[in-house]
Amino acid sequence: MGKFINVRTEAEGTIGVIELNRPKRLNALNRKMIEEIASQMEAFDNDPRIRVIVLQGNERAFAAGADIEEMMKESPLSFELADPFAIWDRFMSVNKPVIASVSGFALGGGFELALHCDLIIAAENAQFGFPEVNLGVMPGAGGTQLLTRSIGKRKALELIWLGEHISAEVALELGVINWVVAPEIIEEETMRLAGKLADQAPIAVRLIKEAVGKAEDLPLQDGLTLERKNFYLTFDSADQKEGMQAFIEKRAAHFKGE
């Protein structure tokens, strides 16, 4: 287990698990909690034993939003000087795959936290939404940008303007999340998915994440150039040799991240 107050952490083989742990507040995100999540993600990212990171809440809530009591007395200048959302930028620098495992509420900052992950698996009881407009504010930790990149301008405006919740099934139909499973098996299915991803060649997985992540922002030719560079780099790895040799020998490959 980890050393933090607001999250629990553990390593299960090659999978690093971060569990949000403010159950009495439905895992409402305060600054300290975000700092702890970012710090542990970075620790797992730098740990050669870990290949995949899982971020999860509890049955009632992944995270029901930001801690309103912490924010309500802020001013524009206090926000500018503290720059609390800068911590969120650290999530974008994690090189290993990050899976969000969502049960219950993923609202406001909780929805943004899930959107910062690479893949999202949700229980059938999960609910997603941006209710900030009902408080007279708007998403501030990437929600307008990440959701728009996922589902396009019009649907993003609809969800953020109306501030309503959507079900896991609707989120799946919109392309916001990857899978929906029964609540009683979400932990099992999350770890199965993480284990399958952890068995892939780590260097190739890292380079794929970089190339796909840049695809939304780069002009096509620049994206193709990056893809080719990363493709060439895989041929400097022992995993490439192992993968192709295993294919020729008709056996399963055993990747070491080298």
C-alpha atoms as a PDB file:
ATOM      1  CA  MET A   1       0.000   0.000   0.000  1.00  0.00           C
ATOM      2  CA  GLY A   2       1.101   3.569  -0.622  1.00  0.00           C
ATOM      3  CA  LYS A   3       1.975   6.413   1.698  1.00  0.00           C
ATOM      4  CA  PHE A   4      -0.854   8.773   0.732  1.00  0.00           C
ATOM      5  CA  ILE A   5      -3.946  10.006   2.589  1.00  0.00           C
ATOM      6  CA  ASN A   6      -6.475  10.337  -0.232  1.00  0.00           C
ATOM      7  CA  VAL A   7      -5.496   7.385  -2.409  1.00  0.00           C
ATOM      8  CA  ARG A   8      -4.522   3.781  -1.861  1.00  0.00           C
ATOM      9  CA  THR A   9      -1.892   2.223  -4.080  1.00  0.00           C
ATOM     10  CA  GLU A  10      -0.575  -1.247  -4.725  1.00  0.00           C
ATOM     11  CA  ALA A  11       1.274  -3.227  -7.357  1.00  0.00           C
ATOM     12  CA  GLU A  12      -0.288  -6.445  -8.601  1.00  0.00           C
ATOM     13  CA  GLY A  13       2.514  -7.971 -10.636  1.00  0.00           C
ATOM     14  CA  THR A  14       3.092  -5.655 -13.585  1.00  0.00           C
ATOM     15  CA  ILE A  15      -0.068  -3.625 -12.895  1.00  0.00           C
ATOM     16  CA  GLY A  16      -0.001  -0.526 -10.688  1.00  0.00           C
ATOM     17  CA  VAL A  17      -3.349   0.255  -9.043  1.00  0.00           C
ATOM     18  CA  ILE A  18      -4.384   3.670  -7.693  1.00  0.00           C
ATOM     19  CA  GLU A  19      -7.659   3.690  -5.751  1.00  0.00           C
ATOM     20  CA  LEU A  20      -9.337   6.997  -4.904  1.00  0.00           C
ATOM     21  CA  ASN A  21     -10.051   6.970  -1.183  1.00  0.00           C
ATOM     22  CA  ARG A  22     -12.378   9.707   0.072  1.00  0.00           C
ATOM     23  CA  PRO A  23     -15.497   7.521   0.352  1.00  0.00           C
ATOM     24  CA  LYS A  24     -17.404   9.841   2.717  1.00  0.00           C
ATOM     25  CA  ARG A  25     -17.120  12.602   0.083  1.00  0.00           C
ATOM     26  CA  LEU A  26     -17.840  10.300  -2.882  1.00  0.00           C
ATOM     27  CA  ASN A  27     -14.163  10.746  -3.808  1.00  0.00           C
ATOM     28  CA  ALA A  28     -14.584  14.477  -4.403  1.00  0.00           C
ATOM     29  CA  LEU A  29     -11.305  15.729  -5.791  1.00  0.00           C
ATOM     30  CA  ASN A  30      -9.349  18.280  -3.772  1.00  0.00           C
ATOM     31  CA  ARG A  31      -5.917  19.592  -4.673  1.00  0.00           C
ATOM     32  CA  LYS A  32      -4.097  17.271  -2.315  1.00  0.00           C
ATOM     33  CA  MET A  33      -5.821  14.265  -3.854  1.00  0.00           C
ATOM     34  CA  ILE A  34      -4.898  15.318  -7.393  1.00  0.00           C
ATOM     35  CA  GLU A  35      -1.296  15.840  -6.272  1.00  0.00           C
ATOM     36  CA  GLU A  36      -1.238  12.337  -4.786  1.00  0.00           C
ATOM     37  CA  ILE A  37      -2.708  10.776  -7.941  1.00  0.00           C
ATOM     38  CA  ALA A  38      -0.178  12.562 -10.147  1.00  0.00           C
ATOM     39  CA  SER A  39       2.730  11.651  -7.887  1.00  0.00           C
ATOM     40  CA  GLN A  40       1.788   7.972  -7.806  1.00  0.00           C
ATOM     41  CA  MET A  41       1.194   7.858 -11.560  1.00  0.00           C
ATOM     42  CA  GLU A  42       4.692   9.255 -12.042  1.00  0.00           C
ATOM     43  CA  ALA A  43       6.118   6.733  -9.580  1.00  0.00           C
ATOM     44  CA  PHE A  44       4.495   3.850 -11.468  1.00  0.00           C
ATOM     45  CA  ASP A  45       5.583   5.389 -14.782  1.00  0.00           C
ATOM     46  CA  ASN A  46       9.204   5.351 -13.575  1.00  0.00           C
ATOM     47  CA  ASP A  47       9.018   1.846 -12.088  1.00  0.00           C
ATOM     48  CA  PRO A  48      10.397  -0.690 -14.603  1.00  0.00           C
ATOM     49  CA  ARG A  49       8.343  -3.448 -12.981  1.00  0.00           C
ATOM     50  CA  ILE A  50       5.043  -1.726 -13.820  1.00  0.00           C
ATOM     51  CA  ARG A  51       3.635  -1.861 -17.346  1.00  0.00           C
ATOM     52  CA  VAL A  52       0.044  -0.649 -16.922  1.00  0.00           C
ATOM     53  CA  ILE A  53      -1.624   1.768 -14.474  1.00  0.00           C
ATOM     54  CA  VAL A  54      -5.220   1.348 -13.277  1.00  0.00           C
ATOM     55  CA  LEU A  55      -7.142   4.236 -11.697  1.00  0.00           C
ATOM     56  CA  GLN A  56     -10.320   3.286  -9.840  1.00  0.00           C
ATOM     57  CA  GLY A  57     -12.833   4.534  -7.286  1.00  0.00           C
ATOM     58  CA  ASN A  58     -15.377   2.538  -5.317  1.00  0.00           C
ATOM     59  CA  GLU A  59     -18.816   1.096  -6.070  1.00  0.00           C
ATOM     60  CA  ARG A  60     -20.671   4.367  -5.396  1.00  0.00           C
ATOM     61  CA  ALA A  61     -18.336   6.752  -7.151  1.00  0.00           C
ATOM     62  CA  PHE A  62     -15.248   6.952  -9.287  1.00  0.00           C
ATOM     63  CA  ALA A  63     -15.217  10.636  -8.332  1.00  0.00           C
ATOM     64  CA  ALA A  64     -18.379  12.700  -7.937  1.00  0.00           C
ATOM     65  CA  GLY A  65     -16.676  15.974  -8.836  1.00  0.00           C
ATOM     66  CA  ALA A  66     -14.361  18.596  -7.424  1.00  0.00           C
ATOM     67  CA  ASP A  67     -14.416  19.578  -3.763  1.00  0.00           C
ATOM     68  CA  ILE A  68     -16.782  22.569  -3.912  1.00  0.00           C
ATOM     69  CA  GLU A  69     -16.026  23.680  -0.359  1.00  0.00           C
ATOM     70  CA  GLU A  70     -12.362  24.016  -1.287  1.00  0.00           C
ATOM     71  CA  MET A  71     -13.147  26.158  -4.345  1.00  0.00           C
ATOM     72  CA  MET A  72     -16.073  28.358  -3.404  1.00  0.00           C
ATOM     73  CA  LYS A  73     -14.011  31.126  -1.736  1.00  0.00           C
ATOM     74  CA  GLU A  74     -11.446  31.390  -4.521  1.00  0.00           C
ATOM     75  CA  SER A  75     -10.951  34.511  -6.618  1.00  0.00           C
ATOM     76  CA  PRO A  76      -9.583  34.862 -10.147  1.00  0.00           C
ATOM     77  CA  LEU A  77      -6.285  36.108  -8.713  1.00  0.00           C
ATOM     78  CA  SER A  78      -5.991  33.344  -6.118  1.00  0.00           C
ATOM     79  CA  PHE A  79      -6.572  30.797  -8.879  1.00  0.00           C
ATOM     80  CA  GLU A  80      -4.002  32.492 -11.102  1.00  0.00           C
ATOM     81  CA  LEU A  81      -1.364  32.494  -8.371  1.00  0.00           C
ATOM     82  CA  ALA A  82      -2.030  28.929  -7.192  1.00  0.00           C
ATOM     83  CA  ASP A  83      -2.568  27.545 -10.731  1.00  0.00           C
ATOM     84  CA  PRO A  84      -4.154  24.342  -9.354  1.00  0.00           C
ATOM     85  CA  PHE A  85      -4.893  22.866 -12.763  1.00  0.00           C
ATOM     86  CA  ALA A  86      -1.176  22.736 -13.589  1.00  0.00           C
ATOM     87  CA  ILE A  87      -1.053  19.490 -11.613  1.00  0.00           C
ATOM     88  CA  TRP A  88      -3.414  17.949 -14.161  1.00  0.00           C
ATOM     89  CA  ASP A  89      -0.870  18.583 -16.910  1.00  0.00           C
ATOM     90  CA  ARG A  90       1.321  15.940 -15.305  1.00  0.00           C
ATOM     91  CA  PHE A  91      -1.206  13.259 -16.283  1.00  0.00           C
ATOM     92  CA  MET A  92      -0.477  14.051 -19.937  1.00  0.00           C
ATOM     93  CA  SER A  93       3.206  13.201 -19.485  1.00  0.00           C
ATOM     94  CA  VAL A  94       2.664   9.613 -18.293  1.00  0.00           C
ATOM     95  CA  ASN A  95       4.095   7.268 -20.908  1.00  0.00           C
ATOM     96  CA  LYS A  96       2.541   3.991 -19.780  1.00  0.00           C
ATOM     97  CA  PRO A  97      -1.076   3.022 -20.500  1.00  0.00           C
ATOM     98  CA  VAL A  98      -3.579   4.318 -17.935  1.00  0.00           C
ATOM     99  CA  ILE A  99      -6.976   2.627 -17.573  1.00  0.00           C
ATOM    100  CA  ALA A 100      -9.870   4.290 -15.750  1.00  0.00           C
ATOM    101  CA  SER A 101     -12.196   1.787 -14.066  1.00  0.00           C
ATOM    102  CA  VAL A 102     -15.467   3.619 -13.375  1.00  0.00           C
ATOM    103  CA  SER A 103     -18.345   2.614 -11.141  1.00  0.00           C
ATOM    104  CA  GLY A 104     -21.054   5.002  -9.977  1.00  0.00           C
ATOM    105  CA  PHE A 105     -20.574   8.726 -10.434  1.00  0.00           C
ATOM    106  CA  ALA A 106     -17.887  10.266 -12.668  1.00  0.00           C
ATOM    107  CA  LEU A 107     -18.998  13.876 -12.657  1.00  0.00           C
ATOM    108  CA  GLY A 108     -17.238  17.186 -13.216  1.00  0.00           C
ATOM    109  CA  GLY A 109     -13.621  16.765 -12.195  1.00  0.00           C
ATOM    110  CA  GLY A 110     -14.212  13.022 -11.893  1.00  0.00           C
ATOM    111  CA  PHE A 111     -15.277  12.879 -15.546  1.00  0.00           C
ATOM    112  CA  GLU A 112     -12.231  14.969 -16.456  1.00  0.00           C
ATOM    113  CA  LEU A 113      -9.983  12.590 -14.533  1.00  0.00           C
ATOM    114  CA  ALA A 114     -11.380   9.634 -16.482  1.00  0.00           C
ATOM    115  CA  LEU A 115     -10.930  11.508 -19.766  1.00  0.00           C
ATOM    116  CA  HIS A 116      -7.255  12.046 -18.918  1.00  0.00           C
ATOM    117  CA  CYS A 117      -6.832   8.258 -18.963  1.00  0.00           C
ATOM    118  CA  ASP A 118      -6.120   6.310 -22.148  1.00  0.00           C
ATOM    119  CA  LEU A 119      -8.907   3.741 -21.872  1.00  0.00           C
ATOM    120  CA  ILE A 120     -12.137   3.760 -19.853  1.00  0.00           C
ATOM    121  CA  ILE A 121     -14.027   0.680 -18.697  1.00  0.00           C
ATOM    122  CA  ALA A 122     -17.303   1.367 -16.901  1.00  0.00           C
ATOM    123  CA  ALA A 123     -19.831  -0.561 -14.869  1.00  0.00           C
ATOM    124  CA  GLU A 124     -23.444  -0.516 -16.054  1.00  0.00           C
ATOM    125  CA  ASN A 125     -24.314   1.743 -13.108  1.00  0.00           C
ATOM    126  CA  ALA A 126     -21.770   4.409 -14.060  1.00  0.00           C
ATOM    127  CA  GLN A 127     -22.986   7.947 -14.715  1.00  0.00           C
ATOM    128  CA  PHE A 128     -20.975  10.616 -16.492  1.00  0.00           C
ATOM    129  CA  GLY A 129     -21.561  14.343 -16.770  1.00  0.00           C
ATOM    130  CA  PHE A 130     -20.438  17.925 -16.376  1.00  0.00           C
ATOM    131  CA  PRO A 131     -22.812  19.641 -13.925  1.00  0.00           C
ATOM    132  CA  GLU A 132     -20.617  22.747 -13.545  1.00  0.00           C
ATOM    133  CA  VAL A 133     -23.039  24.960 -15.487  1.00  0.00           C
ATOM    134  CA  ASN A 134     -25.604  24.369 -12.716  1.00  0.00           C
ATOM    135  CA  LEU A 135     -23.150  26.024 -10.302  1.00  0.00           C
ATOM    136  CA  GLY A 136     -22.599  29.002 -12.580  1.00  0.00           C
ATOM    137  CA  VAL A 137     -19.163  27.834 -13.738  1.00  0.00           C
ATOM    138  CA  MET A 138     -17.684  25.499 -16.356  1.00  0.00           C
ATOM    139  CA  PRO A 139     -15.197  22.630 -16.584  1.00  0.00           C
ATOM    140  CA  GLY A 140     -11.659  23.851 -15.913  1.00  0.00           C
ATOM    141  CA  ALA A 141      -9.426  20.773 -15.868  1.00  0.00           C
ATOM    142  CA  GLY A 142      -9.694  19.852 -19.535  1.00  0.00           C
ATOM    143  CA  GLY A 143     -13.338  18.869 -19.877  1.00  0.00           C
ATOM    144  CA  THR A 144     -14.232  21.152 -22.791  1.00  0.00           C
ATOM    145  CA  GLN A 145     -11.162  20.108 -24.741  1.00  0.00           C
ATOM    146  CA  LEU A 146     -11.009  16.375 -24.032  1.00  0.00           C
ATOM    147  CA  LEU A 147     -14.724  15.713 -24.437  1.00  0.00           C
ATOM    148  CA  THR A 148     -14.860  17.674 -27.702  1.00  0.00           C
ATOM    149  CA  ARG A 149     -11.949  15.617 -29.029  1.00  0.00           C
ATOM    150  CA  SER A 150     -13.860  12.458 -28.091  1.00  0.00           C
ATOM    151  CA  ILE A 151     -17.323  13.209 -29.461  1.00  0.00           C
ATOM    152  CA  GLY A 152     -17.188  16.421 -31.484  1.00  0.00           C
ATOM    153  CA  LYS A 153     -18.345  19.999 -30.933  1.00  0.00           C
ATOM    154  CA  ARG A 154     -22.141  19.661 -31.022  1.00  0.00           C
ATOM    155  CA  LYS A 155     -22.506  16.717 -28.659  1.00  0.00           C
ATOM    156  CA  ALA A 156     -19.906  18.208 -26.313  1.00  0.00           C
ATOM    157  CA  LEU A 157     -21.841  21.491 -26.187  1.00  0.00           C
ATOM    158  CA  GLU A 158     -25.065  19.597 -25.549  1.00  0.00           C
ATOM    159  CA  LEU A 159     -23.656  17.675 -22.587  1.00  0.00           C
ATOM    160  CA  ILE A 160     -21.729  20.559 -21.033  1.00  0.00           C
ATOM    161  CA  TRP A 161     -24.449  23.194 -21.574  1.00  0.00           C
ATOM    162  CA  LEU A 162     -27.283  21.060 -20.200  1.00  0.00           C
ATOM    163  CA  GLY A 163     -25.240  19.664 -17.318  1.00  0.00           C
ATOM    164  CA  GLU A 164     -27.143  16.373 -17.344  1.00  0.00           C
ATOM    165  CA  HIS A 165     -25.860  12.902 -16.512  1.00  0.00           C
ATOM    166  CA  ILE A 166     -25.495  10.225 -19.179  1.00  0.00           C
ATOM    167  CA  SER A 167     -25.444   6.484 -18.610  1.00  0.00           C
ATOM    168  CA  ALA A 168     -22.544   4.176 -19.344  1.00  0.00           C
ATOM    169  CA  GLU A 169     -24.439   2.803 -22.361  1.00  0.00           C
ATOM    170  CA  VAL A 170     -24.901   6.292 -23.829  1.00  0.00           C
ATOM    171  CA  ALA A 171     -21.255   7.112 -23.125  1.00  0.00           C
ATOM    172  CA  LEU A 172     -20.292   3.947 -24.996  1.00  0.00           C
ATOM    173  CA  GLU A 173     -22.511   4.834 -27.962  1.00  0.00           C
ATOM    174  CA  LEU A 174     -20.948   8.317 -28.113  1.00  0.00           C
ATOM    175  CA  GLY A 175     -17.430   6.887 -28.070  1.00  0.00           C
ATOM    176  CA  VAL A 176     -16.506   8.442 -24.718  1.00  0.00           C
ATOM    177  CA  ILE A 177     -15.658   5.085 -23.136  1.00  0.00           C
ATOM    178  CA  ASN A 178     -14.418   1.723 -24.388  1.00  0.00           C
ATOM    179  CA  TRP A 179     -16.377  -0.987 -22.534  1.00  0.00           C
ATOM    180  CA  VAL A 180     -19.413  -1.473 -20.298  1.00  0.00           C
ATOM    181  CA  VAL A 181     -19.587  -4.465 -17.948  1.00  0.00           C
ATOM    182  CA  ALA A 182     -21.767  -5.644 -15.084  1.00  0.00           C
ATOM    183  CA  PRO A 183     -20.906  -3.930 -11.761  1.00  0.00           C
ATOM    184  CA  GLU A 184     -20.067  -7.199 -10.031  1.00  0.00           C
ATOM    185  CA  ILE A 185     -17.312  -8.042 -12.499  1.00  0.00           C
ATOM    186  CA  ILE A 186     -15.789  -4.651 -13.256  1.00  0.00           C
ATOM    187  CA  GLU A 187     -12.732  -5.201 -11.068  1.00  0.00           C
ATOM    188  CA  GLU A 188     -12.114  -8.614 -12.609  1.00  0.00           C
ATOM    189  CA  GLU A 189     -12.595  -7.306 -16.146  1.00  0.00           C
ATOM    190  CA  THR A 190     -10.388  -4.274 -15.492  1.00  0.00           C
ATOM    191  CA  MET A 191      -7.531  -6.446 -14.267  1.00  0.00           C
ATOM    192  CA  ARG A 192      -8.038  -8.869 -17.164  1.00  0.00           C
ATOM    193  CA  LEU A 193      -7.765  -5.984 -19.616  1.00  0.00           C
ATOM    194  CA  ALA A 194      -4.759  -4.531 -17.789  1.00  0.00           C
ATOM    195  CA  GLY A 195      -3.069  -7.926 -17.769  1.00  0.00           C
ATOM    196  CA  LYS A 196      -3.629  -8.373 -21.494  1.00  0.00           C
ATOM    197  CA  LEU A 197      -2.151  -4.937 -22.165  1.00  0.00           C
ATOM    198  CA  ALA A 198       0.754  -5.623 -19.790  1.00  0.00           C
ATOM    199  CA  ASP A 199       1.662  -8.673 -21.904  1.00  0.00           C
ATOM    200  CA  GLN A 200       2.167  -6.496 -24.991  1.00  0.00           C
ATOM    201  CA  ALA A 201       5.628  -5.198 -25.916  1.00  0.00           C
ATOM    202  CA  PRO A 202       6.141  -2.222 -23.545  1.00  0.00           C
ATOM    203  CA  ILE A 203       8.315  -0.160 -25.896  1.00  0.00           C
ATOM    204  CA  ALA A 204       5.882  -0.557 -28.778  1.00  0.00           C
ATOM    205  CA  VAL A 205       2.968   0.288 -26.453  1.00  0.00           C
ATOM    206  CA  ARG A 206       4.743   3.459 -25.311  1.00  0.00           C
ATOM    207  CA  LEU A 207       5.530   4.589 -28.866  1.00  0.00           C
ATOM    208  CA  ILE A 208       1.969   3.831 -30.004  1.00  0.00           C
ATOM    209  CA  LYS A 209       0.603   5.976 -27.165  1.00  0.00           C
ATOM    210  CA  GLU A 210       2.806   8.869 -28.261  1.00  0.00           C
ATOM    211  CA  ALA A 211       1.834   8.616 -31.929  1.00  0.00           C
ATOM    212  CA  VAL A 212      -1.910   8.232 -31.324  1.00  0.00           C
ATOM    213  CA  GLY A 213      -1.852  11.015 -28.733  1.00  0.00           C
ATOM    214  CA  LYS A 214      -0.324  13.428 -31.230  1.00  0.00           C
ATOM    215  CA  ALA A 215      -2.662  12.420 -34.060  1.00  0.00           C
ATOM    216  CA  GLU A 216      -5.387  14.842 -32.924  1.00  0.00           C
ATOM    217  CA  ASP A 217      -3.067  17.830 -32.830  1.00  0.00           C
ATOM    218  CA  LEU A 218      -0.520  17.415 -35.631  1.00  0.00           C
ATOM    219  CA  PRO A 219      -1.050  18.033 -39.340  1.00  0.00           C
ATOM    220  CA  LEU A 220      -1.280  14.708 -41.168  1.00  0.00           C
ATOM    221  CA  GLN A 221       2.204  14.825 -42.666  1.00  0.00           C
ATOM    222  CA  ASP A 222       3.779  15.633 -39.293  1.00  0.00           C
ATOM    223  CA  GLY A 223       1.821  12.788 -37.721  1.00  0.00           C
ATOM    224  CA  LEU A 224       2.992  10.381 -40.403  1.00  0.00           C
ATOM    225  CA  THR A 225       6.588  11.490 -39.836  1.00  0.00           C
ATOM    226  CA  LEU A 226       6.268  10.799 -36.102  1.00  0.00           C
ATOM    227  CA  GLU A 227       4.679   7.420 -36.773  1.00  0.00           C
ATOM    228  CA  ARG A 228       7.544   6.418 -39.067  1.00  0.00           C
ATOM    229  CA  LYS A 229      10.152   7.558 -36.552  1.00  0.00           C
ATOM    230  CA  ASN A 230       8.504   5.517 -33.816  1.00  0.00           C
ATOM    231  CA  PHE A 231       8.131   2.513 -36.114  1.00  0.00           C
ATOM    232  CA  TYR A 232      11.855   2.660 -36.857  1.00  0.00           C
ATOM    233  CA  LEU A 233      12.658   2.949 -33.140  1.00  0.00           C
ATOM    234  CA  THR A 234      10.902  -0.348 -32.385  1.00  0.00           C
ATOM    235  CA  PHE A 235      13.575  -2.079 -34.476  1.00  0.00           C
ATOM    236  CA  ASP A 236      16.192  -1.083 -31.907  1.00  0.00           C
ATOM    237  CA  SER A 237      14.464  -3.229 -29.255  1.00  0.00           C
ATOM    238  CA  ALA A 238      15.001  -6.823 -28.238  1.00  0.00           C
ATOM    239  CA  ASP A 239      11.209  -7.129 -28.096  1.00  0.00           C
ATOM    240  CA  GLN A 240      11.003  -6.581 -31.863  1.00  0.00           C
ATOM    241  CA  LYS A 241      13.456  -9.434 -32.403  1.00  0.00           C
ATOM    242  CA  GLU A 242      11.535 -11.647 -29.978  1.00  0.00           C
ATOM    243  CA  GLY A 243       8.149 -10.775 -31.471  1.00  0.00           C
ATOM    244  CA  MET A 244       9.142 -11.541 -35.039  1.00  0.00           C
ATOM    245  CA  GLN A 245      11.084 -14.675 -34.086  1.00  0.00           C
ATOM    246  CA  ALA A 246       8.080 -15.927 -32.113  1.00  0.00           C
ATOM    247  CA  PHE A 247       5.873 -15.299 -35.155  1.00  0.00           C
ATOM    248  CA  ILE A 248       8.205 -17.339 -37.376  1.00  0.00           C
ATOM    249  CA  GLU A 249       8.375 -20.125 -34.787  1.00  0.00           C
ATOM    250  CA  LYS A 250       4.582 -20.063 -34.261  1.00  0.00           C
ATOM    251  CA  ARG A 251       4.809 -19.532 -30.496  1.00  0.00           C
ATOM    252  CA  ALA A 252       3.758 -16.885 -28.016  1.00  0.00           C
ATOM    253  CA  ALA A 253       6.178 -13.979 -27.641  1.00  0.00           C
ATOM    254  CA  HIS A 254       7.630 -13.074 -24.252  1.00  0.00           C
ATOM    255  CA  PHE A 255       8.354  -9.364 -24.090  1.00  0.00           C
ATOM    256  CA  LYS A 256      10.766  -7.864 -21.582  1.00  0.00           C
ATOM    257  CA  GLY A 257      10.514  -4.156 -22.387  1.00  0.00           C
ATOM    258  CA  GLU A 258      14.042  -4.106 -23.788  1.00  0.00           C
END
